[in-house]
PDB file of N, CA and C in Angstrom:
ATOM      1  N   ASN A   1     -73.480 -55.780 110.247  1.00  0.00           N
ATOM      2  CA  ASN A   1     -71.888 -55.112 109.910  1.00  0.00           C
ATOM      3  C   ASN A   1     -71.633 -55.080 108.533  1.00  0.00           C
ATOM      4  N   ARG A   2     -72.871 -55.045 107.816  1.00  0.00           N
ATOM      5  CA  ARG A   2     -72.497 -54.826 106.380  1.00  0.00           C
ATOM      6  C   ARG A   2     -72.289 -53.524 105.905  1.00  0.00           C
ATOM      7  N   LYS A   3     -71.565 -53.109 104.936  1.00  0.00           N
ATOM      8  CA  LYS A   3     -71.253 -51.779 104.354  1.00  0.00           C
ATOM      9  C   LYS A   3     -71.622 -51.796 102.894  1.00  0.00           C
ATOM     10  N   ALA A   4     -72.372 -50.734 102.352  1.00  0.00           N
ATOM     11  CA  ALA A   4     -72.522 -50.770 100.840  1.00  0.00           C
ATOM     12  C   ALA A   4     -71.162 -50.090 100.225  1.00  0.00           C
ATOM     13  N   VAL A   5     -70.841 -50.565  99.166  1.00  0.00           N
ATOM     14  CA  VAL A   5     -69.640 -50.020  98.274  1.00  0.00           C
ATOM     15  C   VAL A   5     -70.184 -49.580  96.873  1.00  0.00           C
ATOM     16  N   PHE A   6     -69.937 -48.156  96.964  1.00  0.00           N
ATOM     17  CA  PHE A   6     -70.425 -47.611  95.619  1.00  0.00           C
ATOM     18  C   PHE A   6     -69.038 -47.424  94.721  1.00  0.00           C
ATOM     19  N   VAL A   7     -69.112 -47.861  93.440  1.00  0.00           N
ATOM     20  CA  VAL A   7     -67.977 -48.004  92.828  1.00  0.00           C
ATOM     21  C   VAL A   7     -67.937 -47.196  91.344  1.00  0.00           C
ATOM     22  N   GLY A   8     -68.520 -45.865  91.641  1.00  0.00           N
ATOM     23  CA  GLY A   8     -68.156 -44.756  90.726  1.00  0.00           C
ATOM     24  C   GLY A   8     -69.293 -44.390  89.773  1.00  0.00           C
ATOM     25  N   ASP A   9     -69.170 -43.347  89.026  1.00  0.00           N
ATOM     26  CA  ASP A   9     -70.280 -42.927  88.294  1.00  0.00           C
ATOM     27  C   ASP A   9     -71.549 -42.787  88.872  1.00  0.00           C
ATOM     28  N   LEU A  10     -71.507 -42.142  90.204  1.00  0.00           N
ATOM     29  CA  LEU A  10     -72.701 -41.647  90.951  1.00  0.00           C
ATOM     30  C   LEU A  10     -73.667 -40.675  90.187  1.00  0.00           C
ATOM     31  N   THR A  11     -72.838 -39.813  89.120  1.00  0.00           N
ATOM     32  CA  THR A  11     -73.538 -38.934  88.448  1.00  0.00           C
ATOM     33  C   THR A  11     -73.675 -39.244  86.930  1.00  0.00           C
ATOM     34  N   ASP A  12     -74.380 -38.407  86.318  1.00  0.00           N
ATOM     35  CA  ASP A  12     -74.880 -38.260  84.799  1.00  0.00           C
ATOM     36  C   ASP A  12     -75.487 -39.433  84.393  1.00  0.00           C
ATOM     37  N   ARG A  13     -76.138 -40.466  85.130  1.00  0.00           N
ATOM     38  CA  ARG A  13     -76.721 -41.320  84.567  1.00  0.00           C
ATOM     39  C   ARG A  13     -78.158 -41.527  84.890  1.00  0.00           C
ATOM     40  N   GLY A  14     -78.758 -40.762  85.998  1.00  0.00           N
ATOM     41  CA  GLY A  14     -80.170 -40.911  86.333  1.00  0.00           C
ATOM     42  C   GLY A  14     -80.612 -39.485  86.333  1.00  0.00           C
ATOM     43  N   PRO A  15     -81.987 -39.436  86.865  1.00  0.00           N
ATOM     44  CA  PRO A  15     -82.995 -38.091  86.808  1.00  0.00           C
ATOM     45  C   PRO A  15     -82.529 -37.252  87.949  1.00  0.00           C
ATOM     46  N   ASP A  16     -81.820 -37.590  88.946  1.00  0.00           N
ATOM     47  CA  ASP A  16     -81.517 -36.727  90.168  1.00  0.00           C
ATOM     48  C   ASP A  16     -80.444 -37.153  90.964  1.00  0.00           C
ATOM     49  N   SER A  17     -79.042 -36.650  90.091  1.00  0.00           N
ATOM     50  CA  SER A  17     -77.701 -36.882  90.515  1.00  0.00           C
ATOM     51  C   SER A  17     -77.557 -36.479  92.158  1.00  0.00           C
ATOM     52  N   PRO A  18     -78.198 -35.051  92.173  1.00  0.00           N
ATOM     53  CA  PRO A  18     -77.887 -34.427  93.584  1.00  0.00           C
ATOM     54  C   PRO A  18     -78.413 -35.402  94.858  1.00  0.00           C
ATOM     55  N   SER A  19     -79.492 -36.174  94.688  1.00  0.00           N
ATOM     56  CA  SER A  19     -80.234 -36.994  95.748  1.00  0.00           C
ATOM     57  C   SER A  19     -79.173 -38.003  95.853  1.00  0.00           C
ATOM     58  N   VAL A  20     -78.600 -38.676  94.739  1.00  0.00           N
ATOM     59  CA  VAL A  20     -77.863 -39.774  94.716  1.00  0.00           C
ATOM     60  C   VAL A  20     -76.607 -39.346  95.560  1.00  0.00           C
ATOM     61  N   LEU A  21     -76.056 -38.126  95.192  1.00  0.00           N
ATOM     62  CA  LEU A  21     -74.743 -37.788  95.819  1.00  0.00           C
ATOM     63  C   LEU A  21     -75.063 -37.691  97.285  1.00  0.00           C
ATOM     64  N   LYS A  22     -76.259 -36.881  97.732  1.00  0.00           N
ATOM     65  CA  LYS A  22     -76.645 -36.712  99.082  1.00  0.00           C
ATOM     66  C   LYS A  22     -76.653 -37.992  99.967  1.00  0.00           C
ATOM     67  N   LEU A  23     -77.357 -39.029  99.153  1.00  0.00           N
ATOM     68  CA  LEU A  23     -77.523 -40.310  99.964  1.00  0.00           C
ATOM     69  C   LEU A  23     -76.189 -40.951 100.197  1.00  0.00           C
ATOM     70  N   VAL A  24     -75.261 -41.098  99.000  1.00  0.00           N
ATOM     71  CA  VAL A  24     -73.968 -41.567  99.302  1.00  0.00           C
ATOM     72  C   VAL A  24     -73.062 -40.784 100.455  1.00  0.00           C
ATOM     73  N   MET A  25     -73.029 -39.564 100.209  1.00  0.00           N
ATOM     74  CA  MET A  25     -72.240 -38.723 100.947  1.00  0.00           C
ATOM     75  C   MET A  25     -72.642 -39.040 102.528  1.00  0.00           C
ATOM     76  N   SER A  26     -74.017 -39.166 102.701  1.00  0.00           N
ATOM     77  CA  SER A  26     -74.360 -39.350 104.070  1.00  0.00           C
ATOM     78  C   SER A  26     -73.879 -40.707 104.560  1.00  0.00           C
ATOM     79  N   MET A  27     -74.201 -41.759 103.902  1.00  0.00           N
ATOM     80  CA  MET A  27     -73.681 -43.093 104.253  1.00  0.00           C
ATOM     81  C   MET A  27     -72.221 -43.330 104.353  1.00  0.00           C
ATOM     82  N   VAL A  28     -71.589 -42.506 103.655  1.00  0.00           N
ATOM     83  CA  VAL A  28     -70.003 -42.700 103.896  1.00  0.00           C
ATOM     84  C   VAL A  28     -69.725 -41.953 105.173  1.00  0.00           C
ATOM     85  N   GLN A  29     -70.140 -40.908 105.289  1.00  0.00           N
ATOM     86  CA  GLN A  29     -70.179 -40.055 106.808  1.00  0.00           C
ATOM     87  C   GLN A  29     -70.601 -40.908 107.874  1.00  0.00           C
ATOM     88  N   ALA A  30     -71.564 -41.414 107.717  1.00  0.00           N
ATOM     89  CA  ALA A  30     -72.008 -42.408 108.902  1.00  0.00           C
ATOM     90  C   ALA A  30     -71.393 -43.666 109.178  1.00  0.00           C
ATOM     91  N   GLY A  31     -70.360 -43.889 108.134  1.00  0.00           N
ATOM     92  CA  GLY A  31     -69.727 -45.097 108.296  1.00  0.00           C
ATOM     93  C   GLY A  31     -70.358 -46.607 107.830  1.00  0.00           C
ATOM     94  N   THR A  32     -71.394 -46.200 107.054  1.00  0.00           N
ATOM     95  CA  THR A  32     -72.075 -47.388 106.504  1.00  0.00           C
ATOM     96  C   THR A  32     -71.493 -47.861 104.940  1.00  0.00           C
ATOM     97  N   ALA A  33     -71.040 -46.954 104.356  1.00  0.00           N
ATOM     98  CA  ALA A  33     -70.627 -47.179 102.986  1.00  0.00           C
ATOM     99  C   ALA A  33     -69.144 -46.818 102.563  1.00  0.00           C
ATOM    100  N   TYR A  34     -68.705 -47.290 101.636  1.00  0.00           N
ATOM    101  CA  TYR A  34     -67.304 -46.802 101.109  1.00  0.00           C
ATOM    102  C   TYR A  34     -67.782 -46.405  99.692  1.00  0.00           C
ATOM    103  N   CYS A  35     -66.942 -45.356  99.016  1.00  0.00           N
ATOM    104  CA  CYS A  35     -67.293 -44.874  97.794  1.00  0.00           C
ATOM    105  C   CYS A  35     -65.745 -44.665  97.059  1.00  0.00           C
ATOM    106  N   VAL A  36     -65.722 -45.312  95.840  1.00  0.00           N
ATOM    107  CA  VAL A  36     -64.700 -44.827  94.854  1.00  0.00           C
ATOM    108  C   VAL A  36     -65.241 -44.106  93.728  1.00  0.00           C
ATOM    109  N   CYS A  37     -64.469 -43.053  93.479  1.00  0.00           N
ATOM    110  CA  CYS A  37     -64.933 -42.160  92.420  1.00  0.00           C
ATOM    111  C   CYS A  37     -64.753 -42.878  91.058  1.00  0.00           C
ATOM    112  N   GLY A  38     -65.709 -42.400  90.173  1.00  0.00           N
ATOM    113  CA  GLY A  38     -65.577 -42.935  88.624  1.00  0.00           C
ATOM    114  C   GLY A  38     -65.236 -41.684  88.014  1.00  0.00           C
ATOM    115  N   ASN A  39     -65.086 -42.143  86.830  1.00  0.00           N
ATOM    116  CA  ASN A  39     -64.503 -40.897  85.956  1.00  0.00           C
ATOM    117  C   ASN A  39     -65.331 -39.739  85.699  1.00  0.00           C
ATOM    118  N   HIS A  40     -66.787 -40.084  85.619  1.00  0.00           N
ATOM    119  CA  HIS A  40     -67.788 -38.987  85.684  1.00  0.00           C
ATOM    120  C   HIS A  40     -67.680 -38.203  86.933  1.00  0.00           C
ATOM    121  N   ASP A  41     -67.519 -38.824  88.258  1.00  0.00           N
ATOM    122  CA  ASP A  41     -67.547 -38.066  89.444  1.00  0.00           C
ATOM    123  C   ASP A  41     -66.267 -37.199  89.268  1.00  0.00           C
ATOM    124  N   SER A  42     -65.211 -37.574  88.765  1.00  0.00           N
ATOM    125  CA  SER A  42     -63.923 -36.946  88.877  1.00  0.00           C
ATOM    126  C   SER A  42     -64.040 -35.842  87.944  1.00  0.00           C
ATOM    127  N   LYS A  43     -64.809 -35.872  86.939  1.00  0.00           N
ATOM    128  CA  LYS A  43     -64.983 -34.757  85.877  1.00  0.00           C
ATOM    129  C   LYS A  43     -65.778 -33.755  86.635  1.00  0.00           C
ATOM    130  N   LEU A  44     -66.814 -34.138  87.307  1.00  0.00           N
ATOM    131  CA  LEU A  44     -67.611 -33.287  88.080  1.00  0.00           C
ATOM    132  C   LEU A  44     -66.949 -32.522  89.185  1.00  0.00           C
ATOM    133  N   GLN A  45     -65.976 -32.999  89.820  1.00  0.00           N
ATOM    134  CA  GLN A  45     -65.084 -32.634  90.684  1.00  0.00           C
ATOM    135  C   GLN A  45     -64.259 -31.560  90.256  1.00  0.00           C
ATOM    136  N   LYS A  46     -63.692 -31.818  88.936  1.00  0.00           N
ATOM    137  CA  LYS A  46     -62.854 -30.724  88.233  1.00  0.00           C
ATOM    138  C   LYS A  46     -63.789 -29.667  88.004  1.00  0.00           C
ATOM    139  N   HIS A  47     -64.961 -29.623  87.589  1.00  0.00           N
ATOM    140  CA  HIS A  47     -65.689 -28.603  87.123  1.00  0.00           C
ATOM    141  C   HIS A  47     -65.884 -27.793  88.432  1.00  0.00           C
ATOM    142  N   LEU A  48     -66.378 -28.390  89.608  1.00  0.00           N
ATOM    143  CA  LEU A  48     -66.817 -27.728  90.818  1.00  0.00           C
ATOM    144  C   LEU A  48     -65.621 -27.026  91.406  1.00  0.00           C
ATOM    145  N   SER A  49     -64.361 -27.398  90.984  1.00  0.00           N
ATOM    146  CA  SER A  49     -63.113 -26.914  91.477  1.00  0.00           C
ATOM    147  C   SER A  49     -62.557 -25.807  90.510  1.00  0.00           C
ATOM    148  N   GLY A  50     -63.323 -25.377  89.457  1.00  0.00           N
ATOM    149  CA  GLY A  50     -63.313 -24.332  88.640  1.00  0.00           C
ATOM    150  C   GLY A  50     -62.225 -24.710  87.357  1.00  0.00           C
ATOM    151  N   LYS A  51     -62.007 -25.776  87.212  1.00  0.00           N
ATOM    152  CA  LYS A  51     -61.382 -26.159  85.986  1.00  0.00           C
ATOM    153  C   LYS A  51     -62.340 -26.430  84.731  1.00  0.00           C
ATOM    154  N   LYS A  52     -61.779 -26.204  83.530  1.00  0.00           N
ATOM    155  CA  LYS A  52     -62.630 -26.024  82.562  1.00  0.00           C
ATOM    156  C   LYS A  52     -62.758 -27.437  81.945  1.00  0.00           C
ATOM    157  N   VAL A  53     -63.991 -28.076  81.816  1.00  0.00           N
ATOM    158  CA  VAL A  53     -64.196 -29.384  81.312  1.00  0.00           C
ATOM    159  C   VAL A  53     -65.473 -29.294  80.210  1.00  0.00           C
ATOM    160  N   GLN A  54     -65.401 -30.196  79.258  1.00  0.00           N
ATOM    161  CA  GLN A  54     -66.688 -30.237  78.465  1.00  0.00           C
ATOM    162  C   GLN A  54     -67.619 -30.809  79.011  1.00  0.00           C
ATOM    163  N   LEU A  55     -68.904 -30.052  79.089  1.00  0.00           N
ATOM    164  CA  LEU A  55     -69.965 -30.440  79.387  1.00  0.00           C
ATOM    165  C   LEU A  55     -70.856 -31.400  78.793  1.00  0.00           C
ATOM    166  N   LYS A  56     -70.445 -32.528  78.490  1.00  0.00           N
ATOM    167  CA  LYS A  56     -71.049 -33.534  77.695  1.00  0.00           C
ATOM    168  C   LYS A  56     -71.206 -35.107  78.343  1.00  0.00           C
ATOM    169  N   HIS A  57     -71.931 -35.835  77.738  1.00  0.00           N
ATOM    170  CA  HIS A  57     -71.919 -37.257  78.255  1.00  0.00           C
ATOM    171  C   HIS A  57     -72.675 -37.366  79.477  1.00  0.00           C
ATOM    172  N   GLY A  58     -73.583 -36.361  79.782  1.00  0.00           N
ATOM    173  CA  GLY A  58     -74.510 -36.529  80.970  1.00  0.00           C
ATOM    174  C   GLY A  58     -74.136 -35.272  81.856  1.00  0.00           C
ATOM    175  N   LEU A  59     -72.852 -34.836  81.915  1.00  0.00           N
ATOM    176  CA  LEU A  59     -72.413 -33.619  82.966  1.00  0.00           C
ATOM    177  C   LEU A  59     -73.135 -32.665  82.724  1.00  0.00           C
ATOM    178  N   GLU A  60     -73.639 -32.216  81.375  1.00  0.00           N
ATOM    179  CA  GLU A  60     -74.477 -31.053  81.581  1.00  0.00           C
ATOM    180  C   GLU A  60     -75.810 -31.035  82.271  1.00  0.00           C
ATOM    181  N   THR A  61     -76.366 -32.291  82.390  1.00  0.00           N
ATOM    182  CA  THR A  61     -77.557 -32.539  82.938  1.00  0.00           C
ATOM    183  C   THR A  61     -77.091 -32.387  84.389  1.00  0.00           C
ATOM    184  N   THR A  62     -76.096 -33.006  84.937  1.00  0.00           N
ATOM    185  CA  THR A  62     -75.838 -32.933  86.398  1.00  0.00           C
ATOM    186  C   THR A  62     -75.539 -31.607  87.010  1.00  0.00           C
ATOM    187  N   VAL A  63     -74.747 -30.902  86.003  1.00  0.00           N
ATOM    188  CA  VAL A  63     -74.455 -29.408  86.409  1.00  0.00           C
ATOM    189  C   VAL A  63     -75.969 -28.496  86.254  1.00  0.00           C
ATOM    190  N   GLU A  64     -76.763 -28.923  85.540  1.00  0.00           N
ATOM    191  CA  GLU A  64     -77.856 -28.071  85.582  1.00  0.00           C
ATOM    192  C   GLU A  64     -78.753 -28.412  86.802  1.00  0.00           C
ATOM    193  N   GLN A  65     -78.685 -29.661  87.305  1.00  0.00           N
ATOM    194  CA  GLN A  65     -79.507 -30.144  88.366  1.00  0.00           C
ATOM    195  C   GLN A  65     -78.659 -29.441  89.702  1.00  0.00           C
ATOM    196  N   LEU A  66     -77.591 -29.352  89.777  1.00  0.00           N
ATOM    197  CA  LEU A  66     -77.070 -28.826  90.690  1.00  0.00           C
ATOM    198  C   LEU A  66     -76.997 -27.359  90.909  1.00  0.00           C
ATOM    199  N   GLU A  67     -77.303 -26.550  89.891  1.00  0.00           N
ATOM    200  CA  GLU A  67     -77.842 -25.112  89.914  1.00  0.00           C
ATOM    201  C   GLU A  67     -78.825 -24.741  90.984  1.00  0.00           C
ATOM    202  N   LYS A  68     -79.620 -25.688  91.249  1.00  0.00           N
ATOM    203  CA  LYS A  68     -80.744 -25.635  92.219  1.00  0.00           C
ATOM    204  C   LYS A  68     -80.187 -25.931  93.711  1.00  0.00           C
ATOM    205  N   GLU A  69     -78.982 -26.313  94.000  1.00  0.00           N
ATOM    206  CA  GLU A  69     -78.400 -26.518  95.311  1.00  0.00           C
ATOM    207  C   GLU A  69     -77.715 -25.380  95.926  1.00  0.00           C
ATOM    208  N   THR A  70     -77.427 -25.510  97.039  1.00  0.00           N
ATOM    209  CA  THR A  70     -76.939 -24.515  97.663  1.00  0.00           C
ATOM    210  C   THR A  70     -75.212 -24.335  97.475  1.00  0.00           C
ATOM    211  N   ASP A  71     -74.565 -23.329  97.668  1.00  0.00           N
ATOM    212  CA  ASP A  71     -73.152 -23.366  97.330  1.00  0.00           C
ATOM    213  C   ASP A  71     -72.305 -24.139  98.264  1.00  0.00           C
ATOM    214  N   GLU A  72     -73.057 -24.209  99.531  1.00  0.00           N
ATOM    215  CA  GLU A  72     -72.397 -24.868 100.622  1.00  0.00           C
ATOM    216  C   GLU A  72     -72.405 -26.356 100.236  1.00  0.00           C
ATOM    217  N   PHE A  73     -73.311 -26.888  99.728  1.00  0.00           N
ATOM    218  CA  PHE A  73     -73.426 -28.220  99.432  1.00  0.00           C
ATOM    219  C   PHE A  73     -72.406 -28.548  98.228  1.00  0.00           C
ATOM    220  N   LYS A  74     -72.295 -27.647  97.278  1.00  0.00           N
ATOM    221  CA  LYS A  74     -71.630 -27.819  96.042  1.00  0.00           C
ATOM    222  C   LYS A  74     -70.071 -27.767  96.750  1.00  0.00           C
ATOM    223  N   GLN A  75     -69.606 -27.089  97.658  1.00  0.00           N
ATOM    224  CA  GLN A  75     -68.449 -27.049  98.202  1.00  0.00           C
ATOM    225  C   GLN A  75     -68.123 -28.399  98.954  1.00  0.00           C
ATOM    226  N   LYS A  76     -69.242 -28.846  99.709  1.00  0.00           N
ATOM    227  CA  LYS A  76     -68.926 -30.271 100.216  1.00  0.00           C
ATOM    228  C   LYS A  76     -68.769 -31.225  99.293  1.00  0.00           C
ATOM    229  N   LEU A  77     -69.559 -31.264  98.286  1.00  0.00           N
ATOM    230  CA  LEU A  77     -69.638 -32.247  97.247  1.00  0.00           C
ATOM    231  C   LEU A  77     -68.031 -32.348  96.589  1.00  0.00           C
ATOM    232  N   GLU A  78     -67.595 -31.204  96.316  1.00  0.00           N
ATOM    233  CA  GLU A  78     -66.306 -31.024  95.681  1.00  0.00           C
ATOM    234  C   GLU A  78     -65.359 -31.673  96.465  1.00  0.00           C
ATOM    235  N   LYS A  79     -65.220 -31.233  97.915  1.00  0.00           N
ATOM    236  CA  LYS A  79     -64.434 -31.941  98.497  1.00  0.00           C
ATOM    237  C   LYS A  79     -64.560 -33.432  98.814  1.00  0.00           C
ATOM    238  N   PHE A  80     -65.681 -33.996  98.841  1.00  0.00           N
ATOM    239  CA  PHE A  80     -66.170 -35.493  98.799  1.00  0.00           C
ATOM    240  C   PHE A  80     -65.514 -36.090  97.760  1.00  0.00           C
ATOM    241  N   LEU A  81     -65.773 -35.453  96.473  1.00  0.00           N
ATOM    242  CA  LEU A  81     -65.224 -36.304  95.280  1.00  0.00           C
ATOM    243  C   LEU A  81     -63.968 -36.094  95.207  1.00  0.00           C
ATOM    244  N   TYR A  82     -63.196 -35.073  95.725  1.00  0.00           N
ATOM    245  CA  TYR A  82     -61.669 -35.104  95.829  1.00  0.00           C
ATOM    246  C   TYR A  82     -61.113 -36.352  96.363  1.00  0.00           C
TER     247      TYR A  82
END
Protein backbone atom coordinates (compact mmCIF):
# COMPACT_ATOMS: atom_id res chain seq x y z
CA ASN A 1 0.00 0.00 0.00
CA ARG A 2 2.96 2.32 -0.40
CA LYS A 3 2.98 5.28 -2.76
CA ALA A 4 5.87 7.17 -4.25
CA VAL A 5 5.96 10.91 -3.69
CA PHE A 6 7.72 13.11 -6.23
CA VAL A 7 8.53 16.53 -4.85
CA GLY A 8 9.30 18.67 -7.84
CA ASP A 9 11.91 19.40 -10.43
CA LEU A 10 11.18 16.36 -12.56
CA THR A 11 12.74 18.22 -15.49
CA ASP A 12 15.95 20.01 -16.39
CA ARG A 13 18.20 17.78 -14.28
CA GLY A 14 18.88 14.58 -16.16
CA PRO A 15 19.59 13.24 -19.63
CA ASP A 16 16.00 12.20 -20.44
CA SER A 17 13.31 14.42 -18.94
CA PRO A 18 10.53 13.09 -21.22
CA SER A 19 11.01 9.54 -19.89
CA VAL A 20 10.93 10.78 -16.30
CA LEU A 21 7.74 12.72 -17.01
CA LYS A 22 6.09 9.72 -18.68
CA LEU A 23 6.96 7.49 -15.73
CA VAL A 24 5.65 9.93 -13.13
CA MET A 25 2.50 10.71 -15.11
CA SER A 26 1.70 7.00 -15.48
CA MET A 27 2.32 6.33 -11.78
CA VAL A 28 0.08 9.22 -10.72
CA GLN A 29 -2.64 8.08 -13.14
CA ALA A 30 -2.38 4.52 -11.78
CA GLY A 31 -2.73 5.82 -8.23
CA THR A 32 0.70 4.60 -7.14
CA ALA A 33 2.26 8.05 -6.74
CA TYR A 34 1.69 11.66 -5.83
CA CYS A 35 3.49 14.55 -7.48
CA VAL A 36 4.11 18.14 -6.46
CA CYS A 37 5.42 20.40 -9.19
CA GLY A 38 8.65 22.25 -8.58
CA ASN A 39 9.70 25.59 -10.00
CA HIS A 40 11.34 23.97 -13.05
CA ASP A 41 8.16 22.02 -13.77
CA SER A 42 6.05 25.16 -13.42
CA LYS A 43 8.29 27.03 -15.83
CA LEU A 44 7.98 24.19 -18.35
CA GLN A 45 4.18 24.30 -17.98
CA LYS A 46 4.20 28.02 -18.73
CA HIS A 47 6.33 27.40 -21.82
CA LEU A 48 4.02 24.63 -23.02
CA SER A 49 0.97 26.85 -22.53
CA GLY A 50 2.50 29.47 -24.82
CA LYS A 51 3.83 31.96 -22.30
CA LYS A 52 7.22 33.50 -22.91
CA VAL A 53 9.86 32.22 -20.49
CA GLN A 54 13.63 32.31 -20.53
CA LEU A 55 15.07 29.02 -21.73
CA LYS A 56 17.94 28.59 -19.29
CA HIS A 57 18.98 26.56 -16.23
CA GLY A 58 18.31 23.31 -18.07
CA LEU A 59 14.93 24.23 -19.54
CA GLU A 60 16.54 24.68 -22.95
CA THR A 61 17.62 21.01 -22.86
CA THR A 62 14.18 19.79 -21.77
CA VAL A 63 12.46 21.81 -24.51
CA GLU A 64 14.88 20.37 -27.07
CA GLN A 65 14.15 16.83 -25.82
CA LEU A 66 10.39 17.48 -25.99
CA GLU A 67 10.63 18.53 -29.65
CA LYS A 68 10.90 14.80 -30.46
CA GLU A 69 7.63 14.05 -28.63
CA THR A 70 4.12 14.18 -30.08
CA ASP A 71 1.86 17.18 -29.73
CA GLU A 72 -0.60 14.92 -27.90
CA PHE A 73 2.00 14.09 -25.24
CA LYS A 74 2.96 17.74 -24.83
CA GLN A 75 -0.70 18.70 -24.37
CA LYS A 76 -1.17 15.97 -21.73
CA LEU A 77 2.04 17.07 -20.05
CA GLU A 78 0.94 20.71 -19.90
CA LYS A 79 -2.34 19.69 -18.24
CA PHE A 80 -0.54 17.35 -15.85
CA LEU A 81 1.91 20.04 -14.75
CA TYR A 82 -0.90 22.58 -14.35
